[in-house]
Each structure stands twice: as C-alpha cells, then as structure tokens.
Amino acid sequence: MKPAEVIKAYSYPILATLSAFSLVSIAISLLPIARWSRTQNSCIQSTFRVDGSNSAGIPSKVWSCNGGGD
C-alpha cells in the first residue's frame, strides 16, 4: 500500500476515535461541576435562614450556601 492509501483508509477511524475521546474527556471534566450543583441545590432547598416566598430569598440562600455571612 502506498502512504496516501493508508492515510485515506485510516483517516476516518482515527478522526472518529479522537472525536469520541474528546467527548468523553469533556464529560469527565464536567463531573465536578455536576457534583457542586447537586450540593448547591441541596443546600438551597434546606436553608431556612431566609424566607423563600419572596424573590429576594433565593440570592440570599445562594450567598449563604457559598460561605457568605458571619
């Protein structure tokens, strides 16, 4: 086989493998963000420090869950 034929024959499988690897690595890199968001949502739902009936309650809860305050 000539080098051009080898490249032509294997270029699509190589590119597909690289693409799949990239997608998997992006998904793995997003896992810490997903873990943080679950923790954040849990904290916001269980925080009774601020009344959640008004629109100002959610930002105060987020602030509290992120370590804000005294």
N, C-alpha and C. Protein backbone atom coordinates (compact mmCIF):
# COMPACT_ATOMS: atom_id res chain seq x y z
N MET A 1 0.83 -1.19 0.00
CA MET A 1 0.00 0.00 0.00
C MET A 1 0.87 1.25 0.00
N LYS A 2 0.42 2.21 -0.72
CA LYS A 2 1.10 3.49 -0.74
C LYS A 2 0.70 4.30 0.49
N PRO A 3 1.55 5.22 0.92
CA PRO A 3 1.21 6.03 2.10
C PRO A 3 -0.09 6.81 1.96
N ALA A 4 -0.38 7.29 0.78
CA ALA A 4 -1.63 8.02 0.57
C ALA A 4 -2.84 7.11 0.77
N GLU A 5 -2.73 5.87 0.35
CA GLU A 5 -3.83 4.92 0.53
C GLU A 5 -4.04 4.57 2.00
N VAL A 6 -2.94 4.46 2.73
CA VAL A 6 -3.01 4.16 4.16
C VAL A 6 -3.70 5.30 4.89
N ILE A 7 -3.29 6.51 4.57
CA ILE A 7 -3.91 7.68 5.21
C ILE A 7 -5.39 7.75 4.86
N LYS A 8 -5.72 7.52 3.61
CA LYS A 8 -7.11 7.57 3.18
C LYS A 8 -7.94 6.47 3.85
N ALA A 9 -7.36 5.31 4.02
CA ALA A 9 -8.09 4.17 4.60
C ALA A 9 -8.32 4.33 6.10
N TYR A 10 -7.36 4.95 6.81
CA TYR A 10 -7.45 5.02 8.26
C TYR A 10 -7.79 6.40 8.82
N SER A 11 -7.96 7.38 7.97
CA SER A 11 -8.20 8.73 8.48
C SER A 11 -9.55 8.84 9.19
N TYR A 12 -10.61 8.28 8.65
CA TYR A 12 -11.92 8.39 9.29
C TYR A 12 -11.98 7.64 10.63
N PRO A 13 -11.48 6.41 10.72
CA PRO A 13 -11.48 5.76 12.05
C PRO A 13 -10.64 6.51 13.08
N ILE A 14 -9.52 7.06 12.66
CA ILE A 14 -8.67 7.81 13.59
C ILE A 14 -9.40 9.08 14.05
N LEU A 15 -10.00 9.80 13.13
CA LEU A 15 -10.74 11.00 13.48
C LEU A 15 -11.95 10.68 14.37
N ALA A 16 -12.64 9.58 14.09
CA ALA A 16 -13.77 9.18 14.92
C ALA A 16 -13.32 8.82 16.33
N THR A 17 -12.19 8.16 16.44
CA THR A 17 -11.65 7.81 17.76
C THR A 17 -11.26 9.06 18.53
N LEU A 18 -10.61 10.00 17.88
CA LEU A 18 -10.24 11.26 18.53
C LEU A 18 -11.48 12.04 18.96
N SER A 19 -12.49 12.05 18.14
CA SER A 19 -13.73 12.74 18.47
C SER A 19 -14.41 12.11 19.67
N ALA A 20 -14.48 10.80 19.70
CA ALA A 20 -15.09 10.10 20.83
C ALA A 20 -14.30 10.34 22.11
N PHE A 21 -12.98 10.31 22.01
CA PHE A 21 -12.14 10.57 23.17
C PHE A 21 -12.34 11.99 23.69
N SER A 22 -12.49 12.95 22.78
CA SER A 22 -12.72 14.33 23.18
C SER A 22 -14.05 14.48 23.91
N LEU A 23 -15.08 13.83 23.40
CA LEU A 23 -16.40 13.90 24.06
C LEU A 23 -16.36 13.29 25.45
N VAL A 24 -15.68 12.17 25.59
CA VAL A 24 -15.58 11.51 26.90
C VAL A 24 -14.78 12.38 27.86
N SER A 25 -13.70 12.98 27.40
CA SER A 25 -12.89 13.81 28.29
C SER A 25 -13.64 15.07 28.72
N ILE A 26 -14.45 15.63 27.84
CA ILE A 26 -15.28 16.79 28.21
C ILE A 26 -16.31 16.38 29.24
N ALA A 27 -16.95 15.23 29.05
CA ALA A 27 -17.93 14.76 30.02
C ALA A 27 -17.29 14.53 31.39
N ILE A 28 -16.10 13.96 31.41
CA ILE A 28 -15.40 13.72 32.68
C ILE A 28 -15.02 15.03 33.34
N SER A 29 -14.62 16.01 32.55
CA SER A 29 -14.23 17.30 33.13
C SER A 29 -15.43 18.05 33.71
N LEU A 30 -16.64 17.72 33.29
CA LEU A 30 -17.84 18.39 33.81
C LEU A 30 -18.37 17.73 35.08
N LEU A 31 -17.84 16.59 35.48
CA LEU A 31 -18.33 15.91 36.67
C LEU A 31 -18.20 16.73 37.95
N PRO A 32 -17.09 17.44 38.19
CA PRO A 32 -17.02 18.26 39.40
C PRO A 32 -18.08 19.36 39.44
N ILE A 33 -18.42 19.92 38.29
CA ILE A 33 -19.45 20.96 38.24
C ILE A 33 -20.81 20.34 38.56
N ALA A 34 -21.08 19.16 38.06
CA ALA A 34 -22.34 18.48 38.36
C ALA A 34 -22.44 18.16 39.85
N ARG A 35 -21.34 17.72 40.44
CA ARG A 35 -21.33 17.41 41.87
C ARG A 35 -21.58 18.67 42.69
N TRP A 36 -20.93 19.78 42.31
CA TRP A 36 -21.12 21.05 43.01
C TRP A 36 -22.56 21.53 42.90
N SER A 37 -23.17 21.39 41.72
CA SER A 37 -24.54 21.87 41.54
C SER A 37 -25.53 21.06 42.37
N ARG A 38 -25.30 19.76 42.52
CA ARG A 38 -26.17 18.95 43.39
C ARG A 38 -26.06 19.41 44.83
N THR A 39 -24.83 19.66 45.27
CA THR A 39 -24.60 20.14 46.62
C THR A 39 -25.25 21.51 46.82
N GLN A 40 -25.10 22.39 45.86
CA GLN A 40 -25.67 23.73 45.93
C GLN A 40 -27.19 23.67 46.00
N ASN A 41 -27.82 22.87 45.16
CA ASN A 41 -29.27 22.75 45.16
C ASN A 41 -29.77 22.18 46.49
N SER A 42 -29.08 21.19 47.01
CA SER A 42 -29.46 20.61 48.29
C SER A 42 -29.37 21.65 49.41
N CYS A 43 -28.31 22.43 49.41
CA CYS A 43 -28.13 23.47 50.43
C CYS A 43 -29.23 24.53 50.32
N ILE A 44 -29.54 24.96 49.12
CA ILE A 44 -30.56 26.00 48.92
C ILE A 44 -31.92 25.50 49.37
N GLN A 45 -32.24 24.24 49.07
CA GLN A 45 -33.54 23.70 49.47
C GLN A 45 -33.65 23.53 50.98
N SER A 46 -32.54 23.25 51.64
CA SER A 46 -32.61 23.00 53.08
C SER A 46 -32.31 24.24 53.92
N THR A 47 -32.02 25.37 53.29
CA THR A 47 -31.73 26.60 54.03
C THR A 47 -33.03 27.30 54.37
N PHE A 48 -33.27 27.48 55.67
CA PHE A 48 -34.48 28.17 56.13
C PHE A 48 -34.14 29.53 56.70
N ARG A 49 -32.92 29.97 56.48
CA ARG A 49 -32.45 31.24 57.02
C ARG A 49 -33.24 32.41 56.45
N VAL A 50 -33.60 32.32 55.20
CA VAL A 50 -34.32 33.40 54.52
C VAL A 50 -35.61 32.84 53.98
N ASP A 51 -36.69 33.59 54.11
CA ASP A 51 -37.98 33.15 53.61
C ASP A 51 -37.92 33.03 52.09
N GLY A 52 -38.29 31.88 51.57
CA GLY A 52 -38.21 31.63 50.14
C GLY A 52 -39.43 32.10 49.37
N SER A 53 -40.41 32.73 50.05
CA SER A 53 -41.63 33.14 49.37
C SER A 53 -41.42 34.40 48.53
N ASN A 54 -40.42 35.19 48.84
CA ASN A 54 -40.18 36.39 48.04
C ASN A 54 -39.01 36.16 47.09
N SER A 55 -38.87 37.06 46.13
CA SER A 55 -37.83 36.88 45.11
C SER A 55 -36.44 37.15 45.66
N ALA A 56 -36.33 37.84 46.78
CA ALA A 56 -35.01 38.15 47.35
C ALA A 56 -34.46 36.96 48.14
N GLY A 57 -35.28 35.94 48.39
CA GLY A 57 -34.85 34.81 49.19
C GLY A 57 -33.80 33.93 48.53
N ILE A 58 -33.95 33.66 47.26
CA ILE A 58 -33.03 32.75 46.56
C ILE A 58 -31.60 33.31 46.52
N PRO A 59 -31.38 34.58 46.13
CA PRO A 59 -29.99 35.07 46.14
C PRO A 59 -29.36 35.04 47.53
N SER A 60 -30.15 35.29 48.56
CA SER A 60 -29.62 35.24 49.91
C SER A 60 -29.25 33.82 50.31
N LYS A 61 -30.05 32.86 49.87
CA LYS A 61 -29.73 31.46 50.16
C LYS A 61 -28.47 31.02 49.43
N VAL A 62 -28.33 31.44 48.19
CA VAL A 62 -27.13 31.10 47.43
C VAL A 62 -25.91 31.71 48.12
N TRP A 63 -26.04 32.96 48.51
CA TRP A 63 -24.95 33.65 49.20
C TRP A 63 -24.58 32.90 50.47
N SER A 64 -25.59 32.47 51.23
CA SER A 64 -25.35 31.73 52.46
C SER A 64 -24.69 30.38 52.19
N CYS A 65 -25.12 29.68 51.18
CA CYS A 65 -24.57 28.36 50.85
C CYS A 65 -23.14 28.45 50.32
N ASN A 66 -22.77 29.59 49.78
CA ASN A 66 -21.42 29.77 49.26
C ASN A 66 -20.46 30.30 50.31
N GLY A 67 -20.88 30.33 51.57
CA GLY A 67 -19.99 30.74 52.63
C GLY A 67 -20.08 32.20 52.98
N GLY A 68 -21.09 32.89 52.50
CA GLY A 68 -21.24 34.29 52.82
C GLY A 68 -21.75 34.49 54.23
N GLY A 69 -21.59 35.66 54.74
CA GLY A 69 -22.12 35.99 56.06
C GLY A 69 -21.05 35.89 57.13
N ASP A 70 -21.51 36.00 58.35
CA ASP A 70 -20.60 35.99 59.50
C ASP A 70 -20.22 34.60 59.89
